[in-house]
Amino acid sequence: MENIKTHKDLEVWKKSIDLVSEIYEITKSFPKEEIYGLTNQIRRSAVSIPSNIAEGAGRNHDKEFIQFLYIAMGSSSELETQIFICKNLK
C-alpha cells in the first residue's frame, strides 16, 4: 500500500461510495410502508460497506484492515440478499 495514504485513495472505497448513492436513489421509489423495513435495511447494508473499508484502513495493522474488509464483504452479501428479496417481491 505504497501510494495509499488514506481510505480515500482506495478504488474499492470510491466505488462503494458510488454504490451507496445508487442505492439511495433506487430506494427512494420503494413503497412508503417499507421505509422502516427493507428500505432501511438495504441502506444500512450499503453504508456499512464503505464505512468498514474506511475503519479498517484507519487501523494500524494489516491484519485488522483485512478483518474489516471481510466485514465489508459480509455487508455486500447482505445487500445482495436484500436486493434478491426485493426482486422477488417486485
PDB file of N, CA and C in Angstrom:
ATOM      1  N   MET A   1       0.831  -1.184   0.000  1.00  0.00           N
ATOM      2  CA  MET A   1       0.000   0.000   0.000  1.00  0.00           C
ATOM      3  C   MET A   1       0.876   1.249   0.000  1.00  0.00           C
ATOM      4  N   GLU A   2       1.805   1.307  -0.934  1.00  0.00           N
ATOM      5  CA  GLU A   2       2.780   2.397  -1.005  1.00  0.00           C
ATOM      6  C   GLU A   2       2.148   3.767  -1.215  1.00  0.00           C
ATOM      7  N   ASN A   3       1.318   3.912  -2.246  1.00  0.00           N
ATOM      8  CA  ASN A   3       0.754   5.208  -2.606  1.00  0.00           C
ATOM      9  C   ASN A   3      -0.567   5.492  -1.907  1.00  0.00           C
ATOM     10  N   ILE A   4      -0.951   4.619  -1.037  1.00  0.00           N
ATOM     11  CA  ILE A   4      -2.229   4.774  -0.348  1.00  0.00           C
ATOM     12  C   ILE A   4      -1.983   5.425   1.005  1.00  0.00           C
ATOM     13  N   LYS A   5      -2.519   6.618   1.148  1.00  0.00           N
ATOM     14  CA  LYS A   5      -2.345   7.356   2.400  1.00  0.00           C
ATOM     15  C   LYS A   5      -3.568   7.203   3.306  1.00  0.00           C
ATOM     16  N   THR A   6      -4.751   7.210   2.692  1.00  0.00           N
ATOM     17  CA  THR A   6      -5.991   7.040   3.456  1.00  0.00           C
ATOM     18  C   THR A   6      -6.948   6.162   2.655  1.00  0.00           C
ATOM     19  N   HIS A   7      -8.054   5.856   3.266  1.00  0.00           N
ATOM     20  CA  HIS A   7      -9.085   5.064   2.597  1.00  0.00           C
ATOM     21  C   HIS A   7      -9.599   5.749   1.330  1.00  0.00           C
ATOM     22  N   LYS A   8      -9.491   7.068   1.271  1.00  0.00           N
ATOM     23  CA  LYS A   8      -9.972   7.822   0.108  1.00  0.00           C
ATOM     24  C   LYS A   8      -9.159   7.535  -1.146  1.00  0.00           C
ATOM     25  N   ASP A   9      -7.994   6.923  -0.974  1.00  0.00           N
ATOM     26  CA  ASP A   9      -7.153   6.553  -2.111  1.00  0.00           C
ATOM     27  C   ASP A   9      -7.502   5.171  -2.668  1.00  0.00           C
ATOM     28  N   LEU A  10      -8.367   4.450  -1.992  1.00  0.00           N
ATOM     29  CA  LEU A  10      -8.719   3.084  -2.401  1.00  0.00           C
ATOM     30  C   LEU A  10      -9.869   3.086  -3.403  1.00  0.00           C
ATOM     31  N   GLU A  11      -9.663   2.443  -4.536  1.00  0.00           N
ATOM     32  CA  GLU A  11     -10.716   2.366  -5.559  1.00  0.00           C
ATOM     33  C   GLU A  11     -11.968   1.663  -5.024  1.00  0.00           C
ATOM     34  N   VAL A  12     -11.775   0.632  -4.225  1.00  0.00           N
ATOM     35  CA  VAL A  12     -12.921  -0.100  -3.683  1.00  0.00           C
ATOM     36  C   VAL A  12     -13.771   0.801  -2.792  1.00  0.00           C
ATOM     37  N   TRP A  13     -13.128   1.695  -2.053  1.00  0.00           N
ATOM     38  CA  TRP A  13     -13.878   2.637  -1.223  1.00  0.00           C
ATOM     39  C   TRP A  13     -14.658   3.613  -2.104  1.00  0.00           C
ATOM     40  N   LYS A  14     -14.010   4.136  -3.138  1.00  0.00           N
ATOM     41  CA  LYS A  14     -14.664   5.078  -4.056  1.00  0.00           C
ATOM     42  C   LYS A  14     -15.883   4.440  -4.721  1.00  0.00           C
ATOM     43  N   LYS A  15     -15.713   3.199  -5.168  1.00  0.00           N
ATOM     44  CA  LYS A  15     -16.823   2.510  -5.838  1.00  0.00           C
ATOM     45  C   LYS A  15     -17.954   2.208  -4.860  1.00  0.00           C
ATOM     46  N   SER A  16     -17.595   1.896  -3.626  1.00  0.00           N
ATOM     47  CA  SER A  16     -18.639   1.607  -2.647  1.00  0.00           C
ATOM     48  C   SER A  16     -19.411   2.869  -2.267  1.00  0.00           C
ATOM     49  N   ILE A  17     -18.754   4.015  -2.296  1.00  0.00           N
ATOM     50  CA  ILE A  17     -19.449   5.293  -2.073  1.00  0.00           C
ATOM     51  C   ILE A  17     -20.452   5.531  -3.202  1.00  0.00           C
ATOM     52  N   ASP A  18     -20.042   5.260  -4.435  1.00  0.00           N
ATOM     53  CA  ASP A  18     -20.957   5.380  -5.579  1.00  0.00           C
ATOM     54  C   ASP A  18     -22.139   4.428  -5.430  1.00  0.00           C
ATOM     55  N   LEU A  19     -21.864   3.221  -4.946  1.00  0.00           N
ATOM     56  CA  LEU A  19     -22.931   2.239  -4.733  1.00  0.00           C
ATOM     57  C   LEU A  19     -23.961   2.764  -3.733  1.00  0.00           C
ATOM     58  N   VAL A  20     -23.497   3.381  -2.657  1.00  0.00           N
ATOM     59  CA  VAL A  20     -24.419   3.928  -1.657  1.00  0.00           C
ATOM     60  C   VAL A  20     -25.326   4.980  -2.301  1.00  0.00           C
ATOM     61  N   SER A  21     -24.750   5.840  -3.109  1.00  0.00           N
ATOM     62  CA  SER A  21     -25.557   6.861  -3.783  1.00  0.00           C
ATOM     63  C   SER A  21     -26.615   6.229  -4.682  1.00  0.00           C
ATOM     64  N   GLU A  22     -26.231   5.196  -5.420  1.00  0.00           N
ATOM     65  CA  GLU A  22     -27.184   4.495  -6.288  1.00  0.00           C
ATOM     66  C   GLU A  22     -28.284   3.825  -5.476  1.00  0.00           C
ATOM     67  N   ILE A  23     -27.905   3.205  -4.372  1.00  0.00           N
ATOM     68  CA  ILE A  23     -28.890   2.529  -3.516  1.00  0.00           C
ATOM     69  C   ILE A  23     -29.898   3.536  -2.971  1.00  0.00           C
ATOM     70  N   TYR A  24     -29.430   4.691  -2.540  1.00  0.00           N
ATOM     71  CA  TYR A  24     -30.349   5.708  -2.029  1.00  0.00           C
ATOM     72  C   TYR A  24     -31.310   6.183  -3.121  1.00  0.00           C
ATOM     73  N   GLU A  25     -30.808   6.353  -4.329  1.00  0.00           N
ATOM     74  CA  GLU A  25     -31.670   6.766  -5.437  1.00  0.00           C
ATOM     75  C   GLU A  25     -32.725   5.702  -5.741  1.00  0.00           C
ATOM     76  N   ILE A  26     -32.292   4.462  -5.799  1.00  0.00           N
ATOM     77  CA  ILE A  26     -33.207   3.362  -6.113  1.00  0.00           C
ATOM     78  C   ILE A  26     -34.272   3.214  -5.038  1.00  0.00           C
ATOM     79  N   THR A  27     -33.861   3.275  -3.778  1.00  0.00           N
ATOM     80  CA  THR A  27     -34.820   3.037  -2.694  1.00  0.00           C
ATOM     81  C   THR A  27     -35.782   4.199  -2.465  1.00  0.00           C
ATOM     82  N   LYS A  28     -35.517   5.342  -3.079  1.00  0.00           N
ATOM     83  CA  LYS A  28     -36.471   6.458  -2.997  1.00  0.00           C
ATOM     84  C   LYS A  28     -37.828   6.058  -3.570  1.00  0.00           C
ATOM     85  N   SER A  29     -37.811   5.149  -4.540  1.00  0.00           N
ATOM     86  CA  SER A  29     -39.055   4.760  -5.206  1.00  0.00           C
ATOM     87  C   SER A  29     -39.727   3.565  -4.534  1.00  0.00           C
ATOM     88  N   PHE A  30     -39.163   3.053  -3.451  1.00  0.00           N
ATOM     89  CA  PHE A  30     -39.769   1.919  -2.738  1.00  0.00           C
ATOM     90  C   PHE A  30     -41.061   2.370  -2.058  1.00  0.00           C
ATOM     91  N   PRO A  31     -41.974   1.449  -1.821  1.00  0.00           N
ATOM     92  CA  PRO A  31     -43.229   1.802  -1.135  1.00  0.00           C
ATOM     93  C   PRO A  31     -42.953   2.427   0.238  1.00  0.00           C
ATOM     94  N   LYS A  32     -43.749   3.385   0.611  1.00  0.00           N
ATOM     95  CA  LYS A  32     -43.572   4.088   1.886  1.00  0.00           C
ATOM     96  C   LYS A  32     -43.674   3.140   3.076  1.00  0.00           C
ATOM     97  N   GLU A  33     -44.458   2.080   2.954  1.00  0.00           N
ATOM     98  CA  GLU A  33     -44.583   1.141   4.086  1.00  0.00           C
ATOM     99  C   GLU A  33     -43.296   0.350   4.331  1.00  0.00           C
ATOM    100  N   GLU A  34     -42.349   0.435   3.401  1.00  0.00           N
ATOM    101  CA  GLU A  34     -41.063  -0.259   3.568  1.00  0.00           C
ATOM    102  C   GLU A  34     -39.966   0.634   4.147  1.00  0.00           C
ATOM    103  N   ILE A  35     -40.300   1.881   4.487  1.00  0.00           N
ATOM    104  CA  ILE A  35     -39.271   2.815   4.954  1.00  0.00           C
ATOM    105  C   ILE A  35     -38.542   2.288   6.196  1.00  0.00           C
ATOM    106  N   TYR A  36     -39.244   1.576   7.059  1.00  0.00           N
ATOM    107  CA  TYR A  36     -38.604   1.025   8.262  1.00  0.00           C
ATOM    108  C   TYR A  36     -38.276  -0.452   8.107  1.00  0.00           C
ATOM    109  N   GLY A  37     -38.550  -0.992   6.930  1.00  0.00           N
ATOM    110  CA  GLY A  37     -38.270  -2.396   6.647  1.00  0.00           C
ATOM    111  C   GLY A  37     -37.100  -2.538   5.698  1.00  0.00           C
ATOM    112  N   LEU A  38     -37.392  -3.014   4.516  1.00  0.00           N
ATOM    113  CA  LEU A  38     -36.335  -3.276   3.543  1.00  0.00           C
ATOM    114  C   LEU A  38     -35.560  -2.027   3.134  1.00  0.00           C
ATOM    115  N   THR A  39     -36.231  -0.914   2.985  1.00  0.00           N
ATOM    116  CA  THR A  39     -35.529   0.309   2.581  1.00  0.00           C
ATOM    117  C   THR A  39     -34.428   0.646   3.584  1.00  0.00           C
ATOM    118  N   ASN A  40     -34.779   0.661   4.843  1.00  0.00           N
ATOM    119  CA  ASN A  40     -33.814   0.974   5.891  1.00  0.00           C
ATOM    120  C   ASN A  40     -32.690  -0.057   5.930  1.00  0.00           C
ATOM    121  N   GLN A  41     -33.040  -1.323   5.851  1.00  0.00           N
ATOM    122  CA  GLN A  41     -32.041  -2.386   5.935  1.00  0.00           C
ATOM    123  C   GLN A  41     -31.081  -2.342   4.745  1.00  0.00           C
ATOM    124  N   ILE A  42     -31.610  -2.108   3.564  1.00  0.00           N
ATOM    125  CA  ILE A  42     -30.774  -2.019   2.358  1.00  0.00           C
ATOM    126  C   ILE A  42     -29.808  -0.844   2.460  1.00  0.00           C
ATOM    127  N   ARG A  43     -30.311   0.286   2.885  1.00  0.00           N
ATOM    128  CA  ARG A  43     -29.451   1.460   3.021  1.00  0.00           C
ATOM    129  C   ARG A  43     -28.366   1.235   4.065  1.00  0.00           C
ATOM    130  N   ARG A  44     -28.731   0.607   5.173  1.00  0.00           N
ATOM    131  CA  ARG A  44     -27.743   0.350   6.235  1.00  0.00           C
ATOM    132  C   ARG A  44     -26.662  -0.616   5.754  1.00  0.00           C
ATOM    133  N   SER A  45     -27.058  -1.638   5.020  1.00  0.00           N
ATOM    134  CA  SER A  45     -26.076  -2.590   4.484  1.00  0.00           C
ATOM    135  C   SER A  45     -25.129  -1.898   3.521  1.00  0.00           C
ATOM    136  N   ALA A  46     -25.685  -1.058   2.656  1.00  0.00           N
ATOM    137  CA  ALA A  46     -24.865  -0.351   1.675  1.00  0.00           C
ATOM    138  C   ALA A  46     -23.889   0.597   2.357  1.00  0.00           C
ATOM    139  N   VAL A  47     -24.351   1.357   3.326  1.00  0.00           N
ATOM    140  CA  VAL A  47     -23.500   2.315   4.035  1.00  0.00           C
ATOM    141  C   VAL A  47     -22.395   1.594   4.809  1.00  0.00           C
ATOM    142  N   SER A  48     -22.704   0.404   5.279  1.00  0.00           N
ATOM    143  CA  SER A  48     -21.738  -0.371   6.050  1.00  0.00           C
ATOM    144  C   SER A  48     -20.497  -0.753   5.234  1.00  0.00           C
ATOM    145  N   ILE A  49     -20.647  -0.899   3.945  1.00  0.00           N
ATOM    146  CA  ILE A  49     -19.524  -1.332   3.098  1.00  0.00           C
ATOM    147  C   ILE A  49     -18.397  -0.298   3.109  1.00  0.00           C
ATOM    148  N   PRO A  50     -18.613   0.944   2.658  1.00  0.00           N
ATOM    149  CA  PRO A  50     -17.502   1.903   2.684  1.00  0.00           C
ATOM    150  C   PRO A  50     -17.084   2.271   4.110  1.00  0.00           C
ATOM    151  N   SER A  51     -18.028   2.210   5.040  1.00  0.00           N
ATOM    152  CA  SER A  51     -17.694   2.540   6.428  1.00  0.00           C
ATOM    153  C   SER A  51     -16.671   1.565   6.993  1.00  0.00           C
ATOM    154  N   ASN A  52     -16.872   0.281   6.744  1.00  0.00           N
ATOM    155  CA  ASN A  52     -15.927  -0.716   7.242  1.00  0.00           C
ATOM    156  C   ASN A  52     -14.593  -0.667   6.512  1.00  0.00           C
ATOM    157  N   ILE A  53     -14.621  -0.362   5.233  1.00  0.00           N
ATOM    158  CA  ILE A  53     -13.366  -0.194   4.492  1.00  0.00           C
ATOM    159  C   ILE A  53     -12.578   0.964   5.097  1.00  0.00           C
ATOM    160  N   ALA A  54     -13.254   2.074   5.354  1.00  0.00           N
ATOM    161  CA  ALA A  54     -12.593   3.244   5.931  1.00  0.00           C
ATOM    162  C   ALA A  54     -12.058   2.946   7.325  1.00  0.00           C
ATOM    163  N   GLU A  55     -12.864   2.300   8.143  1.00  0.00           N
ATOM    164  CA  GLU A  55     -12.415   1.995   9.503  1.00  0.00           C
ATOM    165  C   GLU A  55     -11.204   1.065   9.490  1.00  0.00           C
ATOM    166  N   GLY A  56     -11.254   0.051   8.653  1.00  0.00           N
ATOM    167  CA  GLY A  56     -10.128  -0.875   8.560  1.00  0.00           C
ATOM    168  C   GLY A  56      -8.861  -0.208   8.061  1.00  0.00           C
ATOM    169  N   ALA A  57      -9.009   0.684   7.085  1.00  0.00           N
ATOM    170  CA  ALA A  57      -7.841   1.392   6.545  1.00  0.00           C
ATOM    171  C   ALA A  57      -7.224   2.310   7.594  1.00  0.00           C
ATOM    172  N   GLY A  58      -8.035   2.751   8.531  1.00  0.00           N
ATOM    173  CA  GLY A  58      -7.549   3.632   9.581  1.00  0.00           C
ATOM    174  C   GLY A  58      -6.857   2.900  10.715  1.00  0.00           C
ATOM    175  N   ARG A  59      -6.880   1.595  10.689  1.00  0.00           N
ATOM    176  CA  ARG A  59      -6.215   0.810  11.732  1.00  0.00           C
ATOM    177  C   ARG A  59      -4.716   0.736  11.472  1.00  0.00           C
ATOM    178  N   ASN A  60      -3.990   0.342  12.489  1.00  0.00           N
ATOM    179  CA  ASN A  60      -2.532   0.339  12.399  1.00  0.00           C
ATOM    180  C   ASN A  60      -1.936  -0.936  11.831  1.00  0.00           C
ATOM    181  N   HIS A  61      -2.734  -1.973  11.708  1.00  0.00           N
ATOM    182  CA  HIS A  61      -2.180  -3.257  11.293  1.00  0.00           C
ATOM    183  C   HIS A  61      -2.949  -3.836  10.108  1.00  0.00           C
ATOM    184  N   ASP A  62      -2.206  -4.466   9.201  1.00  0.00           N
ATOM    185  CA  ASP A  62      -2.831  -5.084   8.033  1.00  0.00           C
ATOM    186  C   ASP A  62      -3.847  -6.139   8.435  1.00  0.00           C
ATOM    187  N   LYS A  63      -3.564  -6.886   9.501  1.00  0.00           N
ATOM    188  CA  LYS A  63      -4.486  -7.932   9.956  1.00  0.00           C
ATOM    189  C   LYS A  63      -5.856  -7.343  10.321  1.00  0.00           C
ATOM    190  N   GLU A  64      -5.853  -6.199  10.982  1.00  0.00           N
ATOM    191  CA  GLU A  64      -7.111  -5.535  11.326  1.00  0.00           C
ATOM    192  C   GLU A  64      -7.817  -5.027  10.070  1.00  0.00           C
ATOM    193  N   PHE A  65      -7.043  -4.475   9.148  1.00  0.00           N
ATOM    194  CA  PHE A  65      -7.611  -3.985   7.895  1.00  0.00           C
ATOM    195  C   PHE A  65      -8.301  -5.122   7.151  1.00  0.00           C
ATOM    196  N   ILE A  66      -7.636  -6.259   7.083  1.00  0.00           N
ATOM    197  CA  ILE A  66      -8.212  -7.427   6.405  1.00  0.00           C
ATOM    198  C   ILE A  66      -9.512  -7.851   7.079  1.00  0.00           C
ATOM    199  N   GLN A  67      -9.544  -7.839   8.403  1.00  0.00           N
ATOM    200  CA  GLN A  67     -10.764  -8.203   9.134  1.00  0.00           C
ATOM    201  C   GLN A  67     -11.920  -7.277   8.757  1.00  0.00           C
ATOM    202  N   PHE A  68     -11.655  -5.987   8.667  1.00  0.00           N
ATOM    203  CA  PHE A  68     -12.712  -5.040   8.296  1.00  0.00           C
ATOM    204  C   PHE A  68     -13.128  -5.207   6.832  1.00  0.00           C
ATOM    205  N   LEU A  69     -12.199  -5.621   5.986  1.00  0.00           N
ATOM    206  CA  LEU A  69     -12.571  -5.919   4.602  1.00  0.00           C
ATOM    207  C   LEU A  69     -13.511  -7.111   4.546  1.00  0.00           C
ATOM    208  N   TYR A  70     -13.271  -8.101   5.398  1.00  0.00           N
ATOM    209  CA  TYR A  70     -14.188  -9.243   5.468  1.00  0.00           C
ATOM    210  C   TYR A  70     -15.572  -8.816   5.960  1.00  0.00           C
ATOM    211  N   ILE A  71     -15.605  -7.901   6.899  1.00  0.00           N
ATOM    212  CA  ILE A  71     -16.889  -7.385   7.375  1.00  0.00           C
ATOM    213  C   ILE A  71     -17.606  -6.660   6.238  1.00  0.00           C
ATOM    214  N   ALA A  72     -16.856  -5.868   5.465  1.00  0.00           N
ATOM    215  CA  ALA A  72     -17.446  -5.170   4.309  1.00  0.00           C
ATOM    216  C   ALA A  72     -17.982  -6.171   3.293  1.00  0.00           C
ATOM    217  N   MET A  73     -17.240  -7.262   3.094  1.00  0.00           N
ATOM    218  CA  MET A  73     -17.724  -8.300   2.173  1.00  0.00           C
ATOM    219  C   MET A  73     -19.015  -8.929   2.696  1.00  0.00           C
ATOM    220  N   GLY A  74     -19.106  -9.109   4.004  1.00  0.00           N
ATOM    221  CA  GLY A  74     -20.334  -9.636   4.595  1.00  0.00           C
ATOM    222  C   GLY A  74     -21.507  -8.705   4.358  1.00  0.00           C
ATOM    223  N   SER A  75     -21.270  -7.407   4.513  1.00  0.00           N
ATOM    224  CA  SER A  75     -22.324  -6.421   4.245  1.00  0.00           C
ATOM    225  C   SER A  75     -22.726  -6.442   2.781  1.00  0.00           C
ATOM    226  N   SER A  76     -21.767  -6.672   1.913  1.00  0.00           N
ATOM    227  CA  SER A  76     -22.040  -6.771   0.482  1.00  0.00           C
ATOM    228  C   SER A  76     -22.956  -7.970   0.195  1.00  0.00           C
ATOM    229  N   SER A  77     -22.680  -9.088   0.833  1.00  0.00           N
ATOM    230  CA  SER A  77     -23.525 -10.278   0.662  1.00  0.00           C
ATOM    231  C   SER A  77     -24.919 -10.043   1.225  1.00  0.00           C
ATOM    232  N   GLU A  78     -24.984  -9.334   2.344  1.00  0.00           N
ATOM    233  CA  GLU A  78     -26.266  -8.989   2.952  1.00  0.00           C
ATOM    234  C   GLU A  78     -27.080  -8.114   1.996  1.00  0.00           C
ATOM    235  N   LEU A  79     -26.420  -7.116   1.415  1.00  0.00           N
ATOM    236  CA  LEU A  79     -27.083  -6.223   0.461  1.00  0.00           C
ATOM    237  C   LEU A  79     -27.581  -6.999  -0.753  1.00  0.00           C
ATOM    238  N   GLU A  80     -26.755  -7.883  -1.266  1.00  0.00           N
ATOM    239  CA  GLU A  80     -27.154  -8.698  -2.419  1.00  0.00           C
ATOM    240  C   GLU A  80     -28.404  -9.518  -2.100  1.00  0.00           C
ATOM    241  N   THR A  81     -28.430 -10.112  -0.919  1.00  0.00           N
ATOM    242  CA  THR A  81     -29.587 -10.904  -0.496  1.00  0.00           C
ATOM    243  C   THR A  81     -30.842 -10.051  -0.433  1.00  0.00           C
ATOM    244  N   GLN A  82     -30.721  -8.857   0.121  1.00  0.00           N
ATOM    245  CA  GLN A  82     -31.871  -7.962   0.229  1.00  0.00           C
ATOM    246  C   GLN A  82     -32.367  -7.529  -1.150  1.00  0.00           C
ATOM    247  N   ILE A  83     -31.459  -7.351  -2.080  1.00  0.00           N
ATOM    248  CA  ILE A  83     -31.860  -6.994  -3.447  1.00  0.00           C
ATOM    249  C   ILE A  83     -32.609  -8.152  -4.100  1.00  0.00           C
ATOM    250  N   PHE A  84     -32.150  -9.382  -3.862  1.00  0.00           N
ATOM    251  CA  PHE A  84     -32.880 -10.551  -4.373  1.00  0.00           C
ATOM    252  C   PHE A  84     -34.285 -10.614  -3.788  1.00  0.00           C
ATOM    253  N   ILE A  85     -34.410 -10.315  -2.513  1.00  0.00           N
ATOM    254  CA  ILE A  85     -35.719 -10.305  -1.856  1.00  0.00           C
ATOM    255  C   ILE A  85     -36.618  -9.269  -2.515  1.00  0.00           C
ATOM    256  N   CYS A  86     -36.082  -8.074  -2.758  1.00  0.00           N
ATOM    257  CA  CYS A  86     -36.861  -7.014  -3.416  1.00  0.00           C
ATOM    258  C   CYS A  86     -37.311  -7.448  -4.806  1.00  0.00           C
ATOM    259  N   LYS A  87     -36.410  -8.105  -5.509  1.00  0.00           N
ATOM    260  CA  LYS A  87     -36.754  -8.577  -6.849  1.00  0.00           C
ATOM    261  C   LYS A  87     -37.916  -9.575  -6.773  1.00  0.00           C
ATOM    262  N   ASN A  88     -37.853 -10.483  -5.815  1.00  0.00           N
ATOM    263  CA  ASN A  88     -38.922 -11.473  -5.649  1.00  0.00           C
ATOM    264  C   ASN A  88     -40.247 -10.810  -5.274  1.00  0.00           C
ATOM    265  N   LEU A  89     -40.182  -9.731  -4.502  1.00  0.00           N
ATOM    266  CA  LEU A  89     -41.389  -9.025  -4.086  1.00  0.00           C
ATOM    267  C   LEU A  89     -41.901  -8.052  -5.135  1.00  0.00           C
ATOM    268  N   LYS A  90     -41.057  -7.799  -6.138  1.00  0.00           N
ATOM    269  CA  LYS A  90     -41.346  -6.850  -7.224  1.00  0.00           C
ATOM    270  C   LYS A  90     -41.551  -5.450  -6.695  1.00  0.00           C
TER     271      LYS A  90
END
